[in-house]
Amino acid sequence: MKNHTGILALIIIAVVMTTLGFNLQSFGLTEKDKGEKPLVLAFIPQENPEKLIGDIEVITEYLQSELGIPVKGFVSLDHAAAVEALRNGEADISFMGGLPYVLAHEKIGAQVILSEVYRGSPTYTGRVFVLKESGIENLGDLKGKSIAFADPISESGYIYPLETFVEAGLLKRGQDPKEYFGNVYFAGGYQQAIQAMANGLVDAAGVSQFAEFLLTPEQLETVKWISESEPIPSHLVCVRKGLSQERVQAFKQAMLKLNEPEHRYLLKHVYNPDGYIEASHSDYESVEVKAREYGYIQ
């Protein structure tokens, strides 16, 4: 379990991302900055990265007008790349899940400043989805079969769905999941993983409970979930160590303004939560415990 990046799904990633029109881009990051140094945001590809590219243009324009400084954003390749961007100063702020955040906090001193409220709750769950017609009724039926997870550094897209197999007595915590499943893949995001399952490329998907909303209505009719994890603190926004408090506070206030009626339409361009609330590291201590149990943090 120590080698979390050893299991790759190149075929699934290529097929699914081609279907979704994946196109990794950044906005102005290769140009020489003029005047004030821009505030740079990293976005993780938990949904179709091509859609995120358009969203980034909208939200950075809003933030630029609120902050009065240049704001740029890019879609990171995955969670690990977002953490590395914070480490290297290539990103000042990142939208990410709880697991990559606690790793970033432990290794590079990143700090959470905001949490999402989604579907009326500051928590959510991980689930294991299968096709209704697959004949798979419980986790035990997946022995020797294939499963797609979102990312090896993801709480709801890996650790928490995997934990449901531990709770069912089918795996030991820290055991290589390849010893239970026939094949284990990391597809690169929630949408890619659940689409792989819905399209019959794998037998199951271990993803966020909300990944089903990334399916078409027709696909949604064909899937079901067979296990659900304990509650997980919502996705968050964190800042790199050393970012000026002036910028942190200005950014935080601009994001909290999205909760106001006249700005709520912009939420659909930041993963479509209900809104944001202020957060601190203590809100993610349960994820930190899980990260230690699985060997992500020593």
C-alpha atoms as a PDB file:
ATOM      1  CA  MET A   1       0.000   0.000   0.000  1.00  0.00           C
ATOM      2  CA  LYS A   2       3.029   2.251   0.299  1.00  0.00           C
ATOM      3  CA  ASN A   3       3.257   2.618  -3.492  1.00  0.00           C
ATOM      4  CA  HIS A   4      -0.005   4.454  -4.071  1.00  0.00           C
ATOM      5  CA  THR A   5       0.895   5.477  -7.629  1.00  0.00           C
ATOM      6  CA  GLY A   6       1.899   2.040  -8.828  1.00  0.00           C
ATOM      7  CA  ILE A   7      -1.512   1.032 -10.211  1.00  0.00           C
ATOM      8  CA  LEU A   8      -2.168   2.853 -13.444  1.00  0.00           C
ATOM      9  CA  ALA A   9      -5.091   2.753 -15.841  1.00  0.00           C
ATOM     10  CA  LEU A  10      -3.682   4.169 -19.028  1.00  0.00           C
ATOM     11  CA  ILE A  11      -6.253   2.557 -21.293  1.00  0.00           C
ATOM     12  CA  ILE A  12      -9.245   3.705 -19.243  1.00  0.00           C
ATOM     13  CA  ILE A  13      -7.834   7.189 -18.802  1.00  0.00           C
ATOM     14  CA  ALA A  14      -7.200   7.513 -22.539  1.00  0.00           C
ATOM     15  CA  VAL A  15     -10.624   6.190 -23.546  1.00  0.00           C
ATOM     16  CA  VAL A  16     -12.624   8.154 -20.975  1.00  0.00           C
ATOM     17  CA  MET A  17     -10.721  11.412 -21.282  1.00  0.00           C
ATOM     18  CA  THR A  18     -10.931  11.251 -25.069  1.00  0.00           C
ATOM     19  CA  THR A  19     -14.686  10.769 -24.747  1.00  0.00           C
ATOM     20  CA  LEU A  20     -14.897  13.760 -22.419  1.00  0.00           C
ATOM     21  CA  GLY A  21     -12.736  15.940 -24.654  1.00  0.00           C
ATOM     22  CA  PHE A  22      -9.951  16.266 -22.064  1.00  0.00           C
ATOM     23  CA  ASN A  23      -7.649  19.175 -22.775  1.00  0.00           C
ATOM     24  CA  LEU A  24      -5.290  20.238 -20.010  1.00  0.00           C
ATOM     25  CA  GLN A  25      -4.752  23.983 -20.177  1.00  0.00           C
ATOM     26  CA  SER A  26      -3.674  26.902 -18.080  1.00  0.00           C
ATOM     27  CA  PHE A  27      -4.457  30.571 -18.448  1.00  0.00           C
ATOM     28  CA  GLY A  28      -1.574  32.938 -19.041  1.00  0.00           C
ATOM     29  CA  LEU A  29       0.851  31.002 -16.841  1.00  0.00           C
ATOM     30  CA  THR A  30       3.554  30.967 -19.501  1.00  0.00           C
ATOM     31  CA  GLU A  31       3.427  34.685 -20.131  1.00  0.00           C
ATOM     32  CA  LYS A  32       5.654  37.122 -18.297  1.00  0.00           C
ATOM     33  CA  ASP A  33       3.681  38.905 -15.643  1.00  0.00           C
ATOM     34  CA  LYS A  34       3.398  42.644 -15.927  1.00  0.00           C
ATOM     35  CA  GLY A  35       2.862  44.851 -12.884  1.00  0.00           C
ATOM     36  CA  GLU A  36       1.546  43.173  -9.746  1.00  0.00           C
ATOM     37  CA  LYS A  37       2.240  39.462  -9.314  1.00  0.00           C
ATOM     38  CA  PRO A  38      -0.904  37.438 -10.115  1.00  0.00           C
ATOM     39  CA  LEU A  39      -2.751  35.270  -7.637  1.00  0.00           C
ATOM     40  CA  VAL A  40      -2.632  31.733  -9.084  1.00  0.00           C
ATOM     41  CA  LEU A  41      -5.319  29.115  -8.425  1.00  0.00           C
ATOM     42  CA  ALA A  42      -5.076  25.352  -8.985  1.00  0.00           C
ATOM     43  CA  PHE A  43      -8.231  23.353  -9.750  1.00  0.00           C
ATOM     44  CA  ILE A  44      -8.366  19.549  -9.523  1.00  0.00           C
ATOM     45  CA  PRO A  45     -10.048  17.636 -12.395  1.00  0.00           C
ATOM     46  CA  GLN A  46     -12.799  15.936 -10.362  1.00  0.00           C
ATOM     47  CA  GLU A  47     -15.162  16.527 -13.277  1.00  0.00           C
ATOM     48  CA  ASN A  48     -14.696  17.006 -17.010  1.00  0.00           C
ATOM     49  CA  PRO A  49     -11.498  19.105 -17.220  1.00  0.00           C
ATOM     50  CA  GLU A  50     -12.683  20.751 -20.430  1.00  0.00           C
ATOM     51  CA  LYS A  51     -15.703  22.165 -18.587  1.00  0.00           C
ATOM     52  CA  LEU A  52     -13.365  23.387 -15.839  1.00  0.00           C
ATOM     53  CA  ILE A  53     -11.391  25.414 -18.353  1.00  0.00           C
ATOM     54  CA  GLY A  54     -14.457  27.503 -19.136  1.00  0.00           C
ATOM     55  CA  ASP A  55     -15.370  27.752 -15.449  1.00  0.00           C
ATOM     56  CA  ILE A  56     -11.900  29.035 -14.584  1.00  0.00           C
ATOM     57  CA  GLU A  57     -12.232  31.888 -17.040  1.00  0.00           C
ATOM     58  CA  VAL A  58     -15.476  32.993 -15.386  1.00  0.00           C
ATOM     59  CA  ILE A  59     -14.408  32.722 -11.746  1.00  0.00           C
ATOM     60  CA  THR A  60     -10.979  34.291 -12.248  1.00  0.00           C
ATOM     61  CA  GLU A  61     -12.617  37.250 -13.987  1.00  0.00           C
ATOM     62  CA  TYR A  62     -14.920  37.691 -10.976  1.00  0.00           C
ATOM     63  CA  LEU A  63     -12.046  37.409  -8.487  1.00  0.00           C
ATOM     64  CA  GLN A  64      -9.903  39.803 -10.475  1.00  0.00           C
ATOM     65  CA  SER A  65     -12.645  42.432 -10.333  1.00  0.00           C
ATOM     66  CA  GLU A  66     -13.120  41.900  -6.590  1.00  0.00           C
ATOM     67  CA  LEU A  67      -9.449  41.826  -5.612  1.00  0.00           C
ATOM     68  CA  GLY A  68      -8.084  44.403  -8.034  1.00  0.00           C
ATOM     69  CA  ILE A  69      -5.097  42.210  -8.884  1.00  0.00           C
ATOM     70  CA  PRO A  70      -4.389  39.733 -11.720  1.00  0.00           C
ATOM     71  CA  VAL A  71      -5.880  36.286 -11.019  1.00  0.00           C
ATOM     72  CA  LYS A  72      -4.988  33.213 -13.064  1.00  0.00           C
ATOM     73  CA  GLY A  73      -5.994  29.572 -12.823  1.00  0.00           C
ATOM     74  CA  PHE A  74      -5.145  26.169 -14.227  1.00  0.00           C
ATOM     75  CA  VAL A  75      -6.385  22.584 -14.130  1.00  0.00           C
ATOM     76  CA  SER A  76      -3.827  20.354 -12.424  1.00  0.00           C
ATOM     77  CA  LEU A  77      -3.194  16.875 -13.781  1.00  0.00           C
ATOM     78  CA  ASP A  78      -4.336  15.315 -10.497  1.00  0.00           C
ATOM     79  CA  HIS A  79      -4.383  15.878  -6.720  1.00  0.00           C
ATOM     80  CA  ALA A  80      -0.658  15.210  -6.329  1.00  0.00           C
ATOM     81  CA  ALA A  81       0.137  17.808  -9.001  1.00  0.00           C
ATOM     82  CA  ALA A  82      -1.969  20.394  -7.144  1.00  0.00           C
ATOM     83  CA  VAL A  83      -0.040  19.725  -3.928  1.00  0.00           C
ATOM     84  CA  GLU A  84       3.249  19.988  -5.814  1.00  0.00           C
ATOM     85  CA  ALA A  85       2.162  23.284  -7.366  1.00  0.00           C
ATOM     86  CA  LEU A  86       1.576  24.684  -3.862  1.00  0.00           C
ATOM     87  CA  ARG A  87       4.968  23.372  -2.772  1.00  0.00           C
ATOM     88  CA  ASN A  88       6.785  24.980  -5.694  1.00  0.00           C
ATOM     89  CA  GLY A  89       4.924  28.281  -5.504  1.00  0.00           C
ATOM     90  CA  GLU A  90       3.379  27.629  -8.925  1.00  0.00           C
ATOM     91  CA  ALA A  91      -0.027  27.956  -7.234  1.00  0.00           C
ATOM     92  CA  ASP A  92      -1.009  30.168  -4.309  1.00  0.00           C
ATOM     93  CA  ILE A  93      -4.410  28.622  -3.635  1.00  0.00           C
ATOM     94  CA  SER A  94      -5.937  25.267  -4.494  1.00  0.00           C
ATOM     95  CA  PHE A  95      -9.412  23.741  -4.570  1.00  0.00           C
ATOM     96  CA  MET A  96      -9.050  20.121  -3.417  1.00  0.00           C
ATOM     97  CA  GLY A  97     -10.340  17.279  -1.295  1.00  0.00           C
ATOM     98  CA  GLY A  98      -9.572  16.519   2.332  1.00  0.00           C
ATOM     99  CA  LEU A  99      -6.902  13.853   1.754  1.00  0.00           C
ATOM    100  CA  PRO A 100      -4.628  15.883  -0.528  1.00  0.00           C
ATOM    101  CA  TYR A 101      -5.128  18.806   1.833  1.00  0.00           C
ATOM    102  CA  VAL A 102      -3.948  16.957   4.957  1.00  0.00           C
ATOM    103  CA  LEU A 103      -0.913  15.759   2.983  1.00  0.00           C
ATOM    104  CA  ALA A 104      -0.214  19.336   1.868  1.00  0.00           C
ATOM    105  CA  HIS A 105      -0.659  20.542   5.453  1.00  0.00           C
ATOM    106  CA  GLU A 106       1.715  17.898   6.822  1.00  0.00           C
ATOM    107  CA  LYS A 107       4.397  18.206   4.155  1.00  0.00           C
ATOM    108  CA  ILE A 108       4.381  21.869   3.111  1.00  0.00           C
ATOM    109  CA  GLY A 109       2.345  23.753   5.719  1.00  0.00           C
ATOM    110  CA  ALA A 110      -0.721  24.482   3.565  1.00  0.00           C
ATOM    111  CA  GLN A 111      -3.740  25.832   5.469  1.00  0.00           C
ATOM    112  CA  VAL A 112      -7.439  25.341   4.784  1.00  0.00           C
ATOM    113  CA  ILE A 113      -9.490  28.545   4.762  1.00  0.00           C
ATOM    114  CA  LEU A 114     -12.879  27.502   3.316  1.00  0.00           C
ATOM    115  CA  SER A 115     -15.077  24.418   3.084  1.00  0.00           C
ATOM    116  CA  GLU A 116     -17.866  23.674   0.632  1.00  0.00           C
ATOM    117  CA  VAL A 117     -21.465  23.216   1.688  1.00  0.00           C
ATOM    118  CA  TYR A 118     -23.002  20.790  -0.777  1.00  0.00           C
ATOM    119  CA  ARG A 119     -26.599  19.634  -0.918  1.00  0.00           C
ATOM    120  CA  GLY A 120     -27.127  21.358   2.428  1.00  0.00           C
ATOM    121  CA  SER A 121     -24.308  19.602   4.290  1.00  0.00           C
ATOM    122  CA  PRO A 122     -20.621  20.239   5.121  1.00  0.00           C
ATOM    123  CA  THR A 123     -20.001  16.471   4.799  1.00  0.00           C
ATOM    124  CA  TYR A 124     -20.534  13.834   2.136  1.00  0.00           C
ATOM    125  CA  THR A 125     -19.708  10.141   1.587  1.00  0.00           C
ATOM    126  CA  GLY A 126     -17.860   7.782  -0.718  1.00  0.00           C
ATOM    127  CA  ARG A 127     -19.804   5.039  -2.476  1.00  0.00           C
ATOM    128  CA  VAL A 128     -19.200   1.996  -4.642  1.00  0.00           C
ATOM    129  CA  PHE A 129     -21.327   2.065  -7.805  1.00  0.00           C
ATOM    130  CA  VAL A 130     -22.142  -0.798 -10.177  1.00  0.00           C
ATOM    131  CA  LEU A 131     -24.458  -1.385 -13.115  1.00  0.00           C
ATOM    132  CA  LYS A 132     -27.908  -2.606 -12.120  1.00  0.00           C
ATOM    133  CA  GLU A 133     -27.807  -5.364 -14.721  1.00  0.00           C
ATOM    134  CA  SER A 134     -24.363  -6.610 -13.623  1.00  0.00           C
ATOM    135  CA  GLY A 135     -25.721  -9.069 -11.084  1.00  0.00           C
ATOM    136  CA  ILE A 136     -23.442  -7.529  -8.437  1.00  0.00           C
ATOM    137  CA  GLU A 137     -25.449  -7.110  -5.244  1.00  0.00           C
ATOM    138  CA  ASN A 138     -22.800  -6.615  -2.544  1.00  0.00           C
ATOM    139  CA  LEU A 139     -19.097  -5.965  -2.065  1.00  0.00           C
ATOM    140  CA  GLY A 140     -18.353  -9.669  -1.832  1.00  0.00           C
ATOM    141  CA  ASP A 141     -19.513 -10.077  -5.429  1.00  0.00           C
ATOM    142  CA  LEU A 142     -16.612  -7.856  -6.565  1.00  0.00           C
ATOM    143  CA  LYS A 143     -13.878 -10.337  -5.617  1.00  0.00           C
ATOM    144  CA  GLY A 144     -11.682 -10.860  -8.674  1.00  0.00           C
ATOM    145  CA  LYS A 145     -13.504  -8.137 -10.628  1.00  0.00           C
ATOM    146  CA  SER A 146     -12.333  -4.715 -11.795  1.00  0.00           C
ATOM    147  CA  ILE A 147     -12.853  -1.373 -10.086  1.00  0.00           C
ATOM    148  CA  ALA A 148     -12.011   2.223 -11.020  1.00  0.00           C
ATOM    149  CA  PHE A 149     -11.196   4.808  -8.381  1.00  0.00           C
ATOM    150  CA  ALA A 150     -10.802   8.521  -9.043  1.00  0.00           C
ATOM    151  CA  ASP A 151      -7.294   9.205  -7.757  1.00  0.00           C
ATOM    152  CA  PRO A 152      -4.812   7.511  -5.387  1.00  0.00           C
ATOM    153  CA  ILE A 153      -4.742  10.734  -3.346  1.00  0.00           C
ATOM    154  CA  SER A 154      -8.481  11.146  -2.882  1.00  0.00           C
ATOM    155  CA  GLU A 155     -10.660  10.568   0.149  1.00  0.00           C
ATOM    156  CA  SER A 156     -14.071   9.937  -1.456  1.00  0.00           C
ATOM    157  CA  GLY A 157     -12.484   8.757  -4.709  1.00  0.00           C
ATOM    158  CA  TYR A 158     -10.341   6.070  -3.084  1.00  0.00           C
ATOM    159  CA  ILE A 159      -9.701   5.743   0.660  1.00  0.00           C
ATOM    160  CA  TYR A 160     -13.259   5.929   1.985  1.00  0.00           C
ATOM    161  CA  PRO A 161     -14.853   3.623  -0.630  1.00  0.00           C
ATOM    162  CA  LEU A 162     -11.958   1.209  -0.061  1.00  0.00           C
ATOM    163  CA  GLU A 163     -12.595   1.399   3.683  1.00  0.00           C
ATOM    164  CA  THR A 164     -16.086  -0.057   3.121  1.00  0.00           C
ATOM    165  CA  PHE A 165     -14.381  -3.285   1.989  1.00  0.00           C
ATOM    166  CA  VAL A 166     -12.314  -3.239   5.197  1.00  0.00           C
ATOM    167  CA  GLU A 167     -15.443  -2.761   7.301  1.00  0.00           C
ATOM    168  CA  ALA A 168     -17.059  -5.678   5.459  1.00  0.00           C
ATOM    169  CA  GLY A 169     -14.103  -7.908   6.379  1.00  0.00           C
ATOM    170  CA  LEU A 170     -13.034  -8.364   2.770  1.00  0.00           C
ATOM    171  CA  LEU A 171      -9.746  -6.456   2.972  1.00  0.00           C
ATOM    172  CA  LYS A 172      -7.342  -5.579   5.747  1.00  0.00           C
ATOM    173  CA  ARG A 173      -6.458  -1.913   6.133  1.00  0.00           C
ATOM    174  CA  GLY A 174      -3.184  -1.373   4.295  1.00  0.00           C
ATOM    175  CA  GLN A 175      -3.535  -4.537   2.195  1.00  0.00           C
ATOM    176  CA  ASP A 176      -2.841  -4.144  -1.517  1.00  0.00           C
ATOM    177  CA  PRO A 177      -6.319  -4.000  -3.108  1.00  0.00           C
ATOM    178  CA  LYS A 178      -4.945  -5.916  -6.112  1.00  0.00           C
ATOM    179  CA  GLU A 179      -5.012  -8.959  -3.845  1.00  0.00           C
ATOM    180  CA  TYR A 180      -8.822  -8.740  -3.788  1.00  0.00           C
ATOM    181  CA  PHE A 181      -9.796  -7.230  -7.131  1.00  0.00           C
ATOM    182  CA  GLY A 182      -8.903  -8.570 -10.550  1.00  0.00           C
ATOM    183  CA  ASN A 183      -7.832  -5.096 -11.694  1.00  0.00           C
ATOM    184  CA  VAL A 184      -7.610  -1.727  -9.937  1.00  0.00           C
ATOM    185  CA  TYR A 185      -7.521   1.485 -11.963  1.00  0.00           C
ATOM    186  CA  PHE A 186      -7.174   5.177 -11.201  1.00  0.00           C
ATOM    187  CA  ALA A 187      -9.122   7.061 -13.859  1.00  0.00           C
ATOM    188  CA  GLY A 188      -8.121  10.637 -13.002  1.00  0.00           C
ATOM    189  CA  GLY A 189     -11.362  12.010 -11.529  1.00  0.00           C
ATOM    190  CA  TYR A 190     -14.890  11.196 -10.358  1.00  0.00           C
ATOM    191  CA  GLN A 191     -16.445  11.632 -13.767  1.00  0.00           C
ATOM    192  CA  GLN A 192     -13.826   9.544 -15.541  1.00  0.00           C
ATOM    193  CA  ALA A 193     -14.165   6.695 -13.002  1.00  0.00           C
ATOM    194  CA  ILE A 194     -17.960   6.523 -12.935  1.00  0.00           C
ATOM    195  CA  GLN A 195     -18.125   6.875 -16.724  1.00  0.00           C
ATOM    196  CA  ALA A 196     -15.734   3.937 -17.035  1.00  0.00           C
ATOM    197  CA  MET A 197     -18.166   1.845 -14.968  1.00  0.00           C
ATOM    198  CA  ALA A 198     -21.276   3.131 -16.755  1.00  0.00           C
ATOM    199  CA  ASN A 199     -19.690   2.328 -20.123  1.00  0.00           C
ATOM    200  CA  GLY A 200     -18.797  -1.205 -19.064  1.00  0.00           C
ATOM    201  CA  LEU A 201     -15.030  -0.696 -18.991  1.00  0.00           C
ATOM    202  CA  VAL A 202     -14.895  -1.788 -15.327  1.00  0.00           C
ATOM    203  CA  ASP A 203     -17.271  -3.616 -13.007  1.00  0.00           C
ATOM    204  CA  ALA A 204     -17.417  -0.956 -10.277  1.00  0.00           C
ATOM    205  CA  ALA A 205     -16.445   2.613  -9.409  1.00  0.00           C
ATOM    206  CA  GLY A 206     -15.365   3.874  -5.994  1.00  0.00           C
ATOM    207  CA  VAL A 207     -16.187   7.581  -5.970  1.00  0.00           C
ATOM    208  CA  SER A 208     -18.041  10.416  -4.230  1.00  0.00           C
ATOM    209  CA  GLN A 209     -21.747   9.956  -3.608  1.00  0.00           C
ATOM    210  CA  PHE A 210     -22.295  12.934  -5.901  1.00  0.00           C
ATOM    211  CA  ALA A 211     -20.444  11.390  -8.855  1.00  0.00           C
ATOM    212  CA  GLU A 212     -23.771  10.050 -10.102  1.00  0.00           C
ATOM    213  CA  PHE A 213     -24.703  13.621 -11.025  1.00  0.00           C
ATOM    214  CA  LEU A 214     -21.871  13.483 -13.578  1.00  0.00           C
ATOM    215  CA  LEU A 215     -23.746  10.820 -15.545  1.00  0.00           C
ATOM    216  CA  THR A 216     -26.325  11.463 -18.235  1.00  0.00           C
ATOM    217  CA  PRO A 217     -29.975  10.893 -17.216  1.00  0.00           C
ATOM    218  CA  GLU A 218     -29.969   7.730 -19.322  1.00  0.00           C
ATOM    219  CA  GLN A 219     -26.829   6.414 -17.623  1.00  0.00           C
ATOM    220  CA  LEU A 220     -28.161   7.294 -14.185  1.00  0.00           C
ATOM    221  CA  GLU A 221     -31.062   4.901 -14.744  1.00  0.00           C
ATOM    222  CA  THR A 222     -28.611   2.034 -15.240  1.00  0.00           C
ATOM    223  CA  VAL A 223     -26.469   2.368 -12.069  1.00  0.00           C
ATOM    224  CA  LYS A 224     -26.843   1.748  -8.341  1.00  0.00           C
ATOM    225  CA  TRP A 225     -24.599   1.932  -5.280  1.00  0.00           C
ATOM    226  CA  ILE A 226     -23.893  -1.033  -3.018  1.00  0.00           C
ATOM    227  CA  SER A 227     -21.867   0.503  -0.174  1.00  0.00           C
ATOM    228  CA  GLU A 228     -21.454   3.880   1.502  1.00  0.00           C
ATOM    229  CA  SER A 229     -18.703   5.222   3.739  1.00  0.00           C
ATOM    230  CA  GLU A 230     -18.849   7.213   6.938  1.00  0.00           C
ATOM    231  CA  PRO A 231     -19.275  11.016   6.523  1.00  0.00           C
ATOM    232  CA  ILE A 232     -16.293  12.894   5.092  1.00  0.00           C
ATOM    233  CA  PRO A 233     -15.587  16.624   5.546  1.00  0.00           C
ATOM    234  CA  SER A 234     -16.376  18.456   2.315  1.00  0.00           C
ATOM    235  CA  HIS A 235     -13.949  19.593  -0.347  1.00  0.00           C
ATOM    236  CA  LEU A 236     -12.092  22.750   0.531  1.00  0.00           C
ATOM    237  CA  VAL A 237      -9.951  25.674  -0.478  1.00  0.00           C
ATOM    238  CA  CYS A 238      -6.420  25.910   0.949  1.00  0.00           C
ATOM    239  CA  VAL A 239      -3.527  28.345   0.645  1.00  0.00           C
ATOM    240  CA  ARG A 240       0.205  27.780   0.431  1.00  0.00           C
ATOM    241  CA  LYS A 241       2.500  28.586   3.321  1.00  0.00           C
ATOM    242  CA  GLY A 242       3.835  32.118   3.075  1.00  0.00           C
ATOM    243  CA  LEU A 243       1.011  33.666   1.069  1.00  0.00           C
ATOM    244  CA  SER A 244       0.422  37.163   2.445  1.00  0.00           C
ATOM    245  CA  GLN A 245      -2.448  37.455   4.913  1.00  0.00           C
ATOM    246  CA  GLU A 246      -3.697  40.460   2.971  1.00  0.00           C
ATOM    247  CA  ARG A 247      -4.220  38.292  -0.097  1.00  0.00           C
ATOM    248  CA  VAL A 248      -5.618  35.387   1.926  1.00  0.00           C
ATOM    249  CA  GLN A 249      -8.229  37.547   3.632  1.00  0.00           C
ATOM    250  CA  ALA A 250      -9.196  39.403   0.457  1.00  0.00           C
ATOM    251  CA  PHE A 251      -9.617  36.112  -1.424  1.00  0.00           C
ATOM    252  CA  LYS A 252     -11.614  34.567   1.409  1.00  0.00           C
ATOM    253  CA  GLN A 253     -14.026  37.499   1.550  1.00  0.00           C
ATOM    254  CA  ALA A 254     -14.480  37.455  -2.228  1.00  0.00           C
ATOM    255  CA  MET A 255     -15.316  33.733  -2.104  1.00  0.00           C
ATOM    256  CA  LEU A 256     -17.738  34.174   0.796  1.00  0.00           C
ATOM    257  CA  LYS A 257     -19.553  36.815  -1.261  1.00  0.00           C
ATOM    258  CA  LEU A 258     -20.579  33.962  -3.565  1.00  0.00           C
ATOM    259  CA  ASN A 259     -23.085  33.004  -0.835  1.00  0.00           C
ATOM    260  CA  GLU A 260     -24.969  36.254  -1.456  1.00  0.00           C
ATOM    261  CA  PRO A 261     -28.010  36.081  -3.777  1.00  0.00           C
ATOM    262  CA  GLU A 262     -26.568  38.388  -6.437  1.00  0.00           C
ATOM    263  CA  HIS A 263     -23.408  36.265  -6.764  1.00  0.00           C
ATOM    264  CA  ARG A 264     -24.780  32.749  -6.278  1.00  0.00           C
ATOM    265  CA  TYR A 265     -24.909  32.092 -10.023  1.00  0.00           C
ATOM    266  CA  LEU A 266     -21.097  31.999  -9.955  1.00  0.00           C
ATOM    267  CA  LEU A 267     -21.041  28.929  -7.687  1.00  0.00           C
ATOM    268  CA  LYS A 268     -21.650  26.691 -10.697  1.00  0.00           C
ATOM    269  CA  HIS A 269     -18.195  27.721 -11.889  1.00  0.00           C
ATOM    270  CA  VAL A 270     -16.448  26.408  -8.735  1.00  0.00           C
ATOM    271  CA  TYR A 271     -17.771  22.808  -8.692  1.00  0.00           C
ATOM    272  CA  ASN A 272     -21.347  23.967  -7.999  1.00  0.00           C
ATOM    273  CA  PRO A 273     -21.591  23.826  -4.177  1.00  0.00           C
ATOM    274  CA  ASP A 274     -24.407  25.451  -2.206  1.00  0.00           C
ATOM    275  CA  GLY A 275     -21.843  27.889  -0.864  1.00  0.00           C
ATOM    276  CA  TYR A 276     -18.738  28.249   1.301  1.00  0.00           C
ATOM    277  CA  ILE A 277     -18.056  28.463   5.035  1.00  0.00           C
ATOM    278  CA  GLU A 278     -14.885  29.362   6.896  1.00  0.00           C
ATOM    279  CA  ALA A 279     -12.835  26.355   7.971  1.00  0.00           C
ATOM    280  CA  SER A 280      -9.763  25.394   9.995  1.00  0.00           C
ATOM    281  CA  HIS A 281      -7.475  22.380  10.153  1.00  0.00           C
ATOM    282  CA  SER A 282      -9.392  20.890  13.077  1.00  0.00           C
ATOM    283  CA  ASP A 283     -12.335  20.304  10.708  1.00  0.00           C
ATOM    284  CA  TYR A 284     -10.173  17.779   8.815  1.00  0.00           C
ATOM    285  CA  GLU A 285      -8.603  15.879  11.709  1.00  0.00           C
ATOM    286  CA  SER A 286     -10.720  12.794  10.934  1.00  0.00           C
ATOM    287  CA  VAL A 287      -9.251  12.695   7.426  1.00  0.00           C
ATOM    288  CA  GLU A 288      -5.777  13.097   8.883  1.00  0.00           C
ATOM    289  CA  VAL A 289      -6.399  10.052  11.099  1.00  0.00           C
ATOM    290  CA  LYS A 290      -7.444   8.046   8.040  1.00  0.00           C
ATOM    291  CA  ALA A 291      -4.364   9.215   6.140  1.00  0.00           C
ATOM    292  CA  ARG A 292      -2.147   7.903   8.954  1.00  0.00           C
ATOM    293  CA  GLU A 293      -4.009   4.595   9.071  1.00  0.00           C
ATOM    294  CA  TYR A 294      -3.366   4.081   5.369  1.00  0.00           C
ATOM    295  CA  GLY A 295       0.282   5.134   5.499  1.00  0.00           C
ATOM    296  CA  TYR A 296       0.005   8.431   3.620  1.00  0.00           C
ATOM    297  CA  ILE A 297       1.376  10.242   6.659  1.00  0.00           C
ATOM    298  CA  GLN A 298       3.968   8.604   8.893  1.00  0.00           C
END
